[in-house]
Amino acid sequence: MSETTRLQALSAFLKTQRARLSPESVGLPAGGRRRTPGLRREEVAQLAGVSTTWYTWLEQGRGIQVSHAVLDSIASALRLTADERNYLFSLALEHYSDLPAPEPDTLQLHPSLQKILQELRYCPTIISDRRCFIVGWNEAAAQVFMNFEHIPLEQRNMISLLFDRKELRRLAVNWEDFVSGFLSIFRGYYGRYVDDEWYNLFLNDMIGRHPDFQTLWKQSSVSSAPDVWIEFRHSKAGKMLFDLTSLQVQGNADLRCSIYTPAPETSTERKLQQLLERASEV
């Protein structure tokens, strides 16, 4: 990520977070009518204990010096979550990662991960890398989503597939919520790996090909483990309800395990069992 792009991302993030807060939510008087939603810059500066000019320069993406202490104050003023705070620090302090770029075609999953995929028989499970490329999945995931084996490696990106493939758009009833969960994870990676130009190339490509992507990307939050409840309308099984649990896999490859657990007190697990039984008979 270039210096200009990094500062633009920092500027956009600060503006978005400021717009989400009301004066009342942070203990300030509402004041008069506001032209735009959210806090004013001077109010954020007041809450953070910095000058309005300095905060304005920070939000404008100027290349100014910042410290951990001041960023902590900004994070508190904007009521940032732990993930959002890390995102702010990564962009403002130019945190670079020494991890090499992933290569999905050469990555070999550890036998323990392969075992986990096998054991989670009735929980569709996908393992992805820090660019959201799918590097592992179980049979349940193949039956609920698609057989990723039939997708070329360079196209096996979960976010791209959600926008490119009509069957995935039709699958999720709450498709925007479904996508937003992945985008919040992706934004965390975007901030963490600020030196990886691949992210900007990918974002520009998605914005160019999908007009609705840009809107969802701008609205996306930052979360390493979003809480997502998903309703699927499967072409063969009908209505299926899942809770998504996203887990970070320990290790140098920076992998993520996304587990779709059938919602309790529903027929989802039974339907999934029937899907797998029919698939085994073919």
C-alpha atoms as a PDB file:
ATOM      1  CA  MET A   1       0.000   0.000   0.000  1.00  0.00           C
ATOM      2  CA  SER A   2       1.470   3.366  -0.975  1.00  0.00           C
ATOM      3  CA  GLU A   3       1.787   6.218   1.498  1.00  0.00           C
ATOM      4  CA  THR A   4      -1.012   8.119  -0.233  1.00  0.00           C
ATOM      5  CA  THR A   5      -3.358   5.129  -0.192  1.00  0.00           C
ATOM      6  CA  ARG A   6      -2.601   4.406   3.460  1.00  0.00           C
ATOM      7  CA  LEU A   7      -3.413   7.961   4.502  1.00  0.00           C
ATOM      8  CA  GLN A   8      -6.573   7.966   2.387  1.00  0.00           C
ATOM      9  CA  ALA A   9      -7.703   4.781   4.125  1.00  0.00           C
ATOM     10  CA  LEU A  10      -6.965   6.357   7.514  1.00  0.00           C
ATOM     11  CA  SER A  11      -8.942   9.461   6.568  1.00  0.00           C
ATOM     12  CA  ALA A  12     -11.951   7.464   5.357  1.00  0.00           C
ATOM     13  CA  PHE A  13     -11.946   5.317   8.503  1.00  0.00           C
ATOM     14  CA  LEU A  14     -11.872   8.293  10.888  1.00  0.00           C
ATOM     15  CA  LYS A  15     -14.673  10.039   9.024  1.00  0.00           C
ATOM     16  CA  THR A  16     -16.821   6.910   9.050  1.00  0.00           C
ATOM     17  CA  GLN A  17     -16.325   6.312  12.762  1.00  0.00           C
ATOM     18  CA  ARG A  18     -17.032   9.960  13.611  1.00  0.00           C
ATOM     19  CA  ALA A  19     -20.251   9.871  11.576  1.00  0.00           C
ATOM     20  CA  ARG A  20     -21.513   6.865  13.548  1.00  0.00           C
ATOM     21  CA  LEU A  21     -21.497   8.676  16.886  1.00  0.00           C
ATOM     22  CA  SER A  22     -24.071  11.096  18.212  1.00  0.00           C
ATOM     23  CA  PRO A  23     -23.190  13.815  20.746  1.00  0.00           C
ATOM     24  CA  GLU A  24     -25.548  12.228  23.275  1.00  0.00           C
ATOM     25  CA  SER A  25     -23.779   8.867  23.001  1.00  0.00           C
ATOM     26  CA  VAL A  26     -20.499  10.399  24.184  1.00  0.00           C
ATOM     27  CA  GLY A  27     -21.942  12.706  26.846  1.00  0.00           C
ATOM     28  CA  LEU A  28     -22.000  15.935  24.830  1.00  0.00           C
ATOM     29  CA  PRO A  29     -24.995  18.257  24.353  1.00  0.00           C
ATOM     30  CA  ALA A  30     -26.784  17.816  21.038  1.00  0.00           C
ATOM     31  CA  GLY A  31     -26.445  21.485  20.144  1.00  0.00           C
ATOM     32  CA  GLY A  32     -28.129  22.926  17.079  1.00  0.00           C
ATOM     33  CA  ARG A  33     -29.045  21.382  13.779  1.00  0.00           C
ATOM     34  CA  ARG A  34     -26.206  19.511  12.079  1.00  0.00           C
ATOM     35  CA  ARG A  35     -25.555  19.461   8.361  1.00  0.00           C
ATOM     36  CA  THR A  36     -24.093  15.969   8.522  1.00  0.00           C
ATOM     37  CA  PRO A  37     -24.667  13.071  10.953  1.00  0.00           C
ATOM     38  CA  GLY A  38     -22.272  12.299  13.762  1.00  0.00           C
ATOM     39  CA  LEU A  39     -19.793  14.282  15.781  1.00  0.00           C
ATOM     40  CA  ARG A  40     -17.995  17.368  14.583  1.00  0.00           C
ATOM     41  CA  ARG A  41     -14.216  17.314  14.303  1.00  0.00           C
ATOM     42  CA  GLU A  42     -13.841  19.759  17.161  1.00  0.00           C
ATOM     43  CA  GLU A  43     -15.926  17.485  19.380  1.00  0.00           C
ATOM     44  CA  VAL A  44     -13.685  14.502  18.684  1.00  0.00           C
ATOM     45  CA  ALA A  45     -10.652  16.691  19.369  1.00  0.00           C
ATOM     46  CA  GLN A  46     -12.213  17.839  22.647  1.00  0.00           C
ATOM     47  CA  LEU A  47     -12.916  14.275  23.758  1.00  0.00           C
ATOM     48  CA  ALA A  48      -9.405  13.156  22.816  1.00  0.00           C
ATOM     49  CA  GLY A  49      -7.661  16.111  24.409  1.00  0.00           C
ATOM     50  CA  VAL A  50      -5.957  17.300  21.227  1.00  0.00           C
ATOM     51  CA  SER A  51      -6.246  20.475  19.204  1.00  0.00           C
ATOM     52  CA  THR A  52      -8.901  20.731  16.525  1.00  0.00           C
ATOM     53  CA  THR A  53      -6.263  21.648  13.974  1.00  0.00           C
ATOM     54  CA  TRP A  54      -4.171  18.568  14.742  1.00  0.00           C
ATOM     55  CA  TYR A  55      -7.163  16.226  14.570  1.00  0.00           C
ATOM     56  CA  THR A  56      -8.312  17.870  11.330  1.00  0.00           C
ATOM     57  CA  TRP A  57      -4.923  17.246   9.780  1.00  0.00           C
ATOM     58  CA  LEU A  58      -5.036  13.617  10.945  1.00  0.00           C
ATOM     59  CA  GLU A  59      -8.494  13.095   9.451  1.00  0.00           C
ATOM     60  CA  GLN A  60      -7.471  14.815   6.230  1.00  0.00           C
ATOM     61  CA  GLY A  61      -4.728  12.230   5.826  1.00  0.00           C
ATOM     62  CA  ARG A  62      -1.794  14.554   6.199  1.00  0.00           C
ATOM     63  CA  GLY A  63       1.565  12.964   6.948  1.00  0.00           C
ATOM     64  CA  ILE A  64       1.872  14.140  10.562  1.00  0.00           C
ATOM     65  CA  GLN A  65       3.650  12.502  13.477  1.00  0.00           C
ATOM     66  CA  VAL A  66       1.437  10.511  15.843  1.00  0.00           C
ATOM     67  CA  SER A  67       2.119   8.643  19.059  1.00  0.00           C
ATOM     68  CA  HIS A  68       0.592   5.582  20.725  1.00  0.00           C
ATOM     69  CA  ALA A  69      -0.760   7.725  23.539  1.00  0.00           C
ATOM     70  CA  VAL A  70      -2.545  10.157  21.228  1.00  0.00           C
ATOM     71  CA  LEU A  71      -3.965   7.352  19.105  1.00  0.00           C
ATOM     72  CA  ASP A  72      -5.262   5.711  22.274  1.00  0.00           C
ATOM     73  CA  SER A  73      -7.054   8.958  23.076  1.00  0.00           C
ATOM     74  CA  ILE A  74      -8.529   9.121  19.572  1.00  0.00           C
ATOM     75  CA  ALA A  75      -9.643   5.478  19.822  1.00  0.00           C
ATOM     76  CA  SER A  76     -11.357   6.171  23.149  1.00  0.00           C
ATOM     77  CA  ALA A  77     -13.033   9.311  21.843  1.00  0.00           C
ATOM     78  CA  LEU A  78     -14.436   7.396  18.861  1.00  0.00           C
ATOM     79  CA  ARG A  79     -15.497   4.445  21.063  1.00  0.00           C
ATOM     80  CA  LEU A  80     -13.519   1.990  18.920  1.00  0.00           C
ATOM     81  CA  THR A  81     -13.605  -1.731  19.531  1.00  0.00           C
ATOM     82  CA  ALA A  82     -10.356  -3.662  20.005  1.00  0.00           C
ATOM     83  CA  ASP A  83     -10.338  -4.670  16.325  1.00  0.00           C
ATOM     84  CA  GLU A  84     -11.086  -1.126  15.178  1.00  0.00           C
ATOM     85  CA  ARG A  85      -8.328   0.202  17.453  1.00  0.00           C
ATOM     86  CA  ASN A  86      -5.810  -2.204  15.904  1.00  0.00           C
ATOM     87  CA  TYR A  87      -6.950  -1.089  12.455  1.00  0.00           C
ATOM     88  CA  LEU A  88      -6.412   2.572  13.403  1.00  0.00           C
ATOM     89  CA  PHE A  89      -2.929   1.863  14.763  1.00  0.00           C
ATOM     90  CA  SER A  90      -1.948  -0.153  11.691  1.00  0.00           C
ATOM     91  CA  LEU A  91      -2.884   2.666   9.325  1.00  0.00           C
ATOM     92  CA  ALA A  92      -1.586   5.545  11.442  1.00  0.00           C
ATOM     93  CA  LEU A  93       1.714   3.981  12.512  1.00  0.00           C
ATOM     94  CA  GLU A  94       2.512   2.083   9.315  1.00  0.00           C
ATOM     95  CA  HIS A  95       2.653  -1.343  10.933  1.00  0.00           C
ATOM     96  CA  TYR A  96       4.191  -3.704   8.442  1.00  0.00           C
ATOM     97  CA  SER A  97       4.090  -7.470   8.584  1.00  0.00           C
ATOM     98  CA  ASP A  98       7.040  -9.710   7.842  1.00  0.00           C
ATOM     99  CA  LEU A  99       4.789 -12.566   6.730  1.00  0.00           C
ATOM    100  CA  PRO A 100       5.251 -13.427   3.057  1.00  0.00           C
ATOM    101  CA  ALA A 101       2.313 -13.220   0.695  1.00  0.00           C
ATOM    102  CA  PRO A 102       0.307 -16.463   0.721  1.00  0.00           C
ATOM    103  CA  GLU A 103       0.441 -18.855  -2.203  1.00  0.00           C
ATOM    104  CA  PRO A 104      -2.778 -20.919  -2.199  1.00  0.00           C
ATOM    105  CA  ASP A 105      -1.451 -23.325  -4.816  1.00  0.00           C
ATOM    106  CA  THR A 106       1.548 -24.307  -2.669  1.00  0.00           C
ATOM    107  CA  LEU A 107       0.026 -24.135   0.809  1.00  0.00           C
ATOM    108  CA  GLN A 108      -0.318 -27.506   2.512  1.00  0.00           C
ATOM    109  CA  LEU A 109      -2.769 -27.708   5.395  1.00  0.00           C
ATOM    110  CA  HIS A 110      -1.416 -29.228   8.574  1.00  0.00           C
ATOM    111  CA  PRO A 111      -2.784 -32.741   9.238  1.00  0.00           C
ATOM    112  CA  SER A 112      -4.496 -31.406  12.372  1.00  0.00           C
ATOM    113  CA  LEU A 113      -6.523 -28.981  10.247  1.00  0.00           C
ATOM    114  CA  GLN A 114      -7.394 -31.754   7.834  1.00  0.00           C
ATOM    115  CA  LYS A 115      -8.595 -33.792  10.807  1.00  0.00           C
ATOM    116  CA  ILE A 116     -10.752 -30.892  12.039  1.00  0.00           C
ATOM    117  CA  LEU A 117     -12.364 -30.573   8.621  1.00  0.00           C
ATOM    118  CA  GLN A 118     -13.197 -34.274   8.596  1.00  0.00           C
ATOM    119  CA  GLU A 119     -14.558 -34.337  12.143  1.00  0.00           C
ATOM    120  CA  LEU A 120     -16.870 -31.351  11.595  1.00  0.00           C
ATOM    121  CA  ARG A 121     -18.988 -33.565   9.380  1.00  0.00           C
ATOM    122  CA  TYR A 122     -22.283 -31.740   9.881  1.00  0.00           C
ATOM    123  CA  CYS A 123     -20.835 -28.239  10.102  1.00  0.00           C
ATOM    124  CA  PRO A 124     -19.852 -26.692   6.758  1.00  0.00           C
ATOM    125  CA  THR A 125     -16.301 -25.474   7.351  1.00  0.00           C
ATOM    126  CA  ILE A 126     -13.984 -23.368   5.200  1.00  0.00           C
ATOM    127  CA  ILE A 127     -10.339 -22.474   5.824  1.00  0.00           C
ATOM    128  CA  SER A 128      -9.098 -19.296   4.146  1.00  0.00           C
ATOM    129  CA  ASP A 129      -5.875 -17.297   4.089  1.00  0.00           C
ATOM    130  CA  ARG A 130      -5.308 -13.622   4.851  1.00  0.00           C
ATOM    131  CA  ARG A 131      -6.463 -12.646   1.375  1.00  0.00           C
ATOM    132  CA  CYS A 132      -9.683 -14.671   1.832  1.00  0.00           C
ATOM    133  CA  PHE A 133      -8.601 -17.320  -0.667  1.00  0.00           C
ATOM    134  CA  ILE A 134     -10.155 -20.681   0.163  1.00  0.00           C
ATOM    135  CA  VAL A 135      -7.431 -23.212   0.932  1.00  0.00           C
ATOM    136  CA  GLY A 136      -9.482 -25.957   2.581  1.00  0.00           C
ATOM    137  CA  TRP A 137     -13.072 -27.122   3.067  1.00  0.00           C
ATOM    138  CA  ASN A 138     -15.066 -30.183   4.039  1.00  0.00           C
ATOM    139  CA  GLU A 139     -17.766 -32.108   2.199  1.00  0.00           C
ATOM    140  CA  ALA A 140     -20.531 -30.274   4.080  1.00  0.00           C
ATOM    141  CA  ALA A 141     -19.240 -26.949   2.738  1.00  0.00           C
ATOM    142  CA  ALA A 142     -19.096 -28.381  -0.784  1.00  0.00           C
ATOM    143  CA  GLN A 143     -22.723 -29.464  -0.522  1.00  0.00           C
ATOM    144  CA  VAL A 144     -24.058 -26.230   0.985  1.00  0.00           C
ATOM    145  CA  PHE A 145     -21.993 -23.733  -1.042  1.00  0.00           C
ATOM    146  CA  MET A 146     -20.374 -25.330  -4.075  1.00  0.00           C
ATOM    147  CA  ASN A 147     -17.633 -27.777  -4.889  1.00  0.00           C
ATOM    148  CA  PHE A 148     -14.664 -25.436  -4.736  1.00  0.00           C
ATOM    149  CA  GLU A 149     -12.560 -28.100  -6.451  1.00  0.00           C
ATOM    150  CA  HIS A 150     -14.241 -27.039  -9.696  1.00  0.00           C
ATOM    151  CA  ILE A 151     -13.158 -23.399  -9.226  1.00  0.00           C
ATOM    152  CA  PRO A 152      -9.685 -22.435 -10.546  1.00  0.00           C
ATOM    153  CA  LEU A 153      -7.229 -21.599  -7.752  1.00  0.00           C
ATOM    154  CA  GLU A 154      -6.836 -17.968  -8.816  1.00  0.00           C
ATOM    155  CA  GLN A 155     -10.640 -17.483  -8.632  1.00  0.00           C
ATOM    156  CA  ARG A 156     -11.130 -19.270  -5.314  1.00  0.00           C
ATOM    157  CA  ASN A 157     -11.498 -16.079  -3.299  1.00  0.00           C
ATOM    158  CA  MET A 158     -14.506 -16.118  -0.974  1.00  0.00           C
ATOM    159  CA  ILE A 159     -15.352 -12.425  -1.304  1.00  0.00           C
ATOM    160  CA  SER A 160     -15.003 -12.458  -5.072  1.00  0.00           C
ATOM    161  CA  LEU A 161     -17.140 -15.603  -5.338  1.00  0.00           C
ATOM    162  CA  LEU A 162     -19.909 -14.064  -3.235  1.00  0.00           C
ATOM    163  CA  PHE A 163     -20.253 -11.299  -5.812  1.00  0.00           C
ATOM    164  CA  ASP A 164     -19.400 -13.249  -8.959  1.00  0.00           C
ATOM    165  CA  ARG A 165     -21.468 -16.383  -8.538  1.00  0.00           C
ATOM    166  CA  LYS A 166     -25.227 -16.029  -8.905  1.00  0.00           C
ATOM    167  CA  GLU A 167     -25.862 -19.238  -6.989  1.00  0.00           C
ATOM    168  CA  LEU A 168     -24.152 -17.774  -3.895  1.00  0.00           C
ATOM    169  CA  ARG A 169     -26.114 -14.533  -4.193  1.00  0.00           C
ATOM    170  CA  ARG A 170     -29.319 -16.577  -4.288  1.00  0.00           C
ATOM    171  CA  LEU A 171     -28.211 -18.870  -1.461  1.00  0.00           C
ATOM    172  CA  ALA A 172     -28.106 -16.342   1.387  1.00  0.00           C
ATOM    173  CA  VAL A 173     -31.436 -14.702   2.227  1.00  0.00           C
ATOM    174  CA  ASN A 174     -29.613 -12.028   4.225  1.00  0.00           C
ATOM    175  CA  TRP A 175     -26.898 -11.769   1.564  1.00  0.00           C
ATOM    176  CA  GLU A 176     -25.695  -8.285   2.545  1.00  0.00           C
ATOM    177  CA  ASP A 177     -25.223  -9.345   6.175  1.00  0.00           C
ATOM    178  CA  PHE A 178     -23.428 -12.458   4.957  1.00  0.00           C
ATOM    179  CA  VAL A 179     -21.063 -10.423   2.784  1.00  0.00           C
ATOM    180  CA  SER A 180     -20.571  -7.740   5.449  1.00  0.00           C
ATOM    181  CA  GLY A 181     -19.194 -10.337   7.851  1.00  0.00           C
ATOM    182  CA  PHE A 182     -16.475 -11.297   5.387  1.00  0.00           C
ATOM    183  CA  LEU A 183     -15.754  -7.664   4.525  1.00  0.00           C
ATOM    184  CA  SER A 184     -15.245  -6.793   8.200  1.00  0.00           C
ATOM    185  CA  ILE A 185     -12.648  -9.564   8.421  1.00  0.00           C
ATOM    186  CA  PHE A 186     -11.079  -8.453   5.147  1.00  0.00           C
ATOM    187  CA  ARG A 187     -10.836  -4.859   6.371  1.00  0.00           C
ATOM    188  CA  GLY A 188      -8.892  -6.071   9.395  1.00  0.00           C
ATOM    189  CA  TYR A 189      -6.401  -7.793   7.108  1.00  0.00           C
ATOM    190  CA  TYR A 190      -6.292  -4.696   4.896  1.00  0.00           C
ATOM    191  CA  GLY A 191      -5.174  -2.585   7.825  1.00  0.00           C
ATOM    192  CA  ARG A 192      -2.751  -5.157   9.177  1.00  0.00           C
ATOM    193  CA  TYR A 193      -0.927  -5.787   5.900  1.00  0.00           C
ATOM    194  CA  VAL A 194      -0.618  -2.192   4.767  1.00  0.00           C
ATOM    195  CA  ASP A 195       2.486  -2.982   2.730  1.00  0.00           C
ATOM    196  CA  ASP A 196       0.745  -5.554   0.527  1.00  0.00           C
ATOM    197  CA  GLU A 197      -0.328  -3.839  -2.696  1.00  0.00           C
ATOM    198  CA  TRP A 198      -2.460  -6.866  -3.594  1.00  0.00           C
ATOM    199  CA  TYR A 199      -5.288  -5.546  -1.403  1.00  0.00           C
ATOM    200  CA  ASN A 200      -5.633  -2.300  -3.336  1.00  0.00           C
ATOM    201  CA  LEU A 201      -5.502  -4.102  -6.662  1.00  0.00           C
ATOM    202  CA  PHE A 202      -8.212  -6.478  -5.471  1.00  0.00           C
ATOM    203  CA  LEU A 203     -10.419  -3.680  -4.136  1.00  0.00           C
ATOM    204  CA  ASN A 204     -10.098  -1.648  -7.342  1.00  0.00           C
ATOM    205  CA  ASP A 205     -10.979  -4.713  -9.391  1.00  0.00           C
ATOM    206  CA  MET A 206     -14.054  -5.497  -7.256  1.00  0.00           C
ATOM    207  CA  ILE A 207     -15.264  -1.877  -7.336  1.00  0.00           C
ATOM    208  CA  GLY A 208     -14.858  -1.805 -11.116  1.00  0.00           C
ATOM    209  CA  ARG A 209     -16.780  -5.035 -11.668  1.00  0.00           C
ATOM    210  CA  HIS A 210     -19.489  -4.774  -8.995  1.00  0.00           C
ATOM    211  CA  PRO A 211     -21.174  -1.401  -8.292  1.00  0.00           C
ATOM    212  CA  ASP A 212     -22.715  -2.700  -5.052  1.00  0.00           C
ATOM    213  CA  PHE A 213     -19.317  -3.740  -3.697  1.00  0.00           C
ATOM    214  CA  GLN A 214     -18.135  -0.171  -3.118  1.00  0.00           C
ATOM    215  CA  THR A 215     -21.190   0.688  -1.005  1.00  0.00           C
ATOM    216  CA  LEU A 216     -20.818  -2.400   1.180  1.00  0.00           C
ATOM    217  CA  TRP A 217     -17.066  -1.849   1.503  1.00  0.00           C
ATOM    218  CA  LYS A 218     -17.525   1.740   2.667  1.00  0.00           C
ATOM    219  CA  GLN A 219     -20.118   0.623   5.224  1.00  0.00           C
ATOM    220  CA  SER A 220     -18.124  -2.338   6.503  1.00  0.00           C
ATOM    221  CA  SER A 221     -16.870  -2.424  10.054  1.00  0.00           C
ATOM    222  CA  VAL A 222     -13.677  -4.020  11.374  1.00  0.00           C
ATOM    223  CA  SER A 223     -13.934  -7.328  13.203  1.00  0.00           C
ATOM    224  CA  SER A 224     -11.706 -10.363  13.559  1.00  0.00           C
ATOM    225  CA  ALA A 225     -14.681 -12.512  14.581  1.00  0.00           C
ATOM    226  CA  PRO A 226     -18.031 -11.070  13.450  1.00  0.00           C
ATOM    227  CA  ASP A 227     -21.198 -12.546  14.926  1.00  0.00           C
ATOM    228  CA  VAL A 228     -23.272 -13.556  11.915  1.00  0.00           C
ATOM    229  CA  TRP A 229     -26.548 -15.478  11.738  1.00  0.00           C
ATOM    230  CA  ILE A 230     -27.307 -16.736   8.255  1.00  0.00           C
ATOM    231  CA  GLU A 231     -30.436 -17.996   6.536  1.00  0.00           C
ATOM    232  CA  PHE A 232     -29.842 -20.018   3.382  1.00  0.00           C
ATOM    233  CA  ARG A 233     -32.380 -21.047   0.766  1.00  0.00           C
ATOM    234  CA  HIS A 234     -30.687 -24.112  -0.611  1.00  0.00           C
ATOM    235  CA  SER A 235     -31.765 -25.352  -4.047  1.00  0.00           C
ATOM    236  CA  LYS A 236     -32.031 -28.955  -2.776  1.00  0.00           C
ATOM    237  CA  ALA A 237     -32.550 -28.672   0.989  1.00  0.00           C
ATOM    238  CA  GLY A 238     -34.684 -25.541   1.258  1.00  0.00           C
ATOM    239  CA  LYS A 239     -34.453 -23.314   4.333  1.00  0.00           C
ATOM    240  CA  MET A 240     -31.278 -23.771   6.395  1.00  0.00           C
ATOM    241  CA  LEU A 241     -30.169 -21.677   9.371  1.00  0.00           C
ATOM    242  CA  PHE A 242     -26.578 -21.366  10.531  1.00  0.00           C
ATOM    243  CA  ASP A 243     -24.505 -19.519  13.110  1.00  0.00           C
ATOM    244  CA  LEU A 244     -21.083 -18.512  11.785  1.00  0.00           C
ATOM    245  CA  THR A 245     -18.084 -18.896  14.086  1.00  0.00           C
ATOM    246  CA  SER A 246     -14.807 -17.474  12.780  1.00  0.00           C
ATOM    247  CA  LEU A 247     -11.582 -18.658  14.412  1.00  0.00           C
ATOM    248  CA  GLN A 248      -8.010 -17.556  13.872  1.00  0.00           C
ATOM    249  CA  VAL A 249      -5.706 -20.521  13.265  1.00  0.00           C
ATOM    250  CA  GLN A 250      -2.394 -20.318  15.103  1.00  0.00           C
ATOM    251  CA  GLY A 251       0.660 -20.482  12.874  1.00  0.00           C
ATOM    252  CA  ASN A 252       2.740 -18.515  10.399  1.00  0.00           C
ATOM    253  CA  ALA A 253       0.302 -18.899   7.506  1.00  0.00           C
ATOM    254  CA  ASP A 254      -2.327 -16.646   9.174  1.00  0.00           C
ATOM    255  CA  LEU A 255      -5.285 -18.857   8.330  1.00  0.00           C
ATOM    256  CA  ARG A 256      -8.908 -18.542   9.409  1.00  0.00           C
ATOM    257  CA  CYS A 257     -11.412 -21.293  10.071  1.00  0.00           C
ATOM    258  CA  SER A 258     -15.063 -20.392   9.356  1.00  0.00           C
ATOM    259  CA  ILE A 259     -17.512 -22.881  10.862  1.00  0.00           C
ATOM    260  CA  TYR A 260     -21.215 -22.820  10.003  1.00  0.00           C
ATOM    261  CA  THR A 261     -23.040 -24.491  12.869  1.00  0.00           C
ATOM    262  CA  PRO A 262     -26.636 -25.617  12.235  1.00  0.00           C
ATOM    263  CA  ALA A 263     -28.942 -23.484  14.356  1.00  0.00           C
ATOM    264  CA  PRO A 264     -30.360 -25.429  17.322  1.00  0.00           C
ATOM    265  CA  GLU A 265     -34.015 -26.451  17.359  1.00  0.00           C
ATOM    266  CA  THR A 266     -34.222 -26.330  13.557  1.00  0.00           C
ATOM    267  CA  SER A 267     -34.231 -29.011  10.869  1.00  0.00           C
ATOM    268  CA  THR A 268     -30.963 -27.732   9.384  1.00  0.00           C
ATOM    269  CA  GLU A 269     -28.713 -30.530  10.629  1.00  0.00           C
ATOM    270  CA  ARG A 270     -31.149 -33.213   9.454  1.00  0.00           C
ATOM    271  CA  LYS A 271     -31.328 -31.594   6.014  1.00  0.00           C
ATOM    272  CA  LEU A 272     -27.541 -31.427   5.882  1.00  0.00           C
ATOM    273  CA  GLN A 273     -27.299 -35.113   6.754  1.00  0.00           C
ATOM    274  CA  GLN A 274     -29.690 -35.918   3.918  1.00  0.00           C
ATOM    275  CA  LEU A 275     -27.637 -33.831   1.484  1.00  0.00           C
ATOM    276  CA  LEU A 276     -24.474 -35.711   2.418  1.00  0.00           C
ATOM    277  CA  GLU A 277     -26.192 -39.092   2.194  1.00  0.00           C
ATOM    278  CA  ARG A 278     -27.506 -38.357  -1.288  1.00  0.00           C
ATOM    279  CA  ALA A 279     -24.090 -37.086  -2.396  1.00  0.00           C
ATOM    280  CA  SER A 280     -22.409 -40.296  -1.191  1.00  0.00           C
ATOM    281  CA  GLU A 281     -24.812 -42.391  -3.263  1.00  0.00           C
ATOM    282  CA  VAL A 282     -23.936 -40.664  -6.524  1.00  0.00           C
END
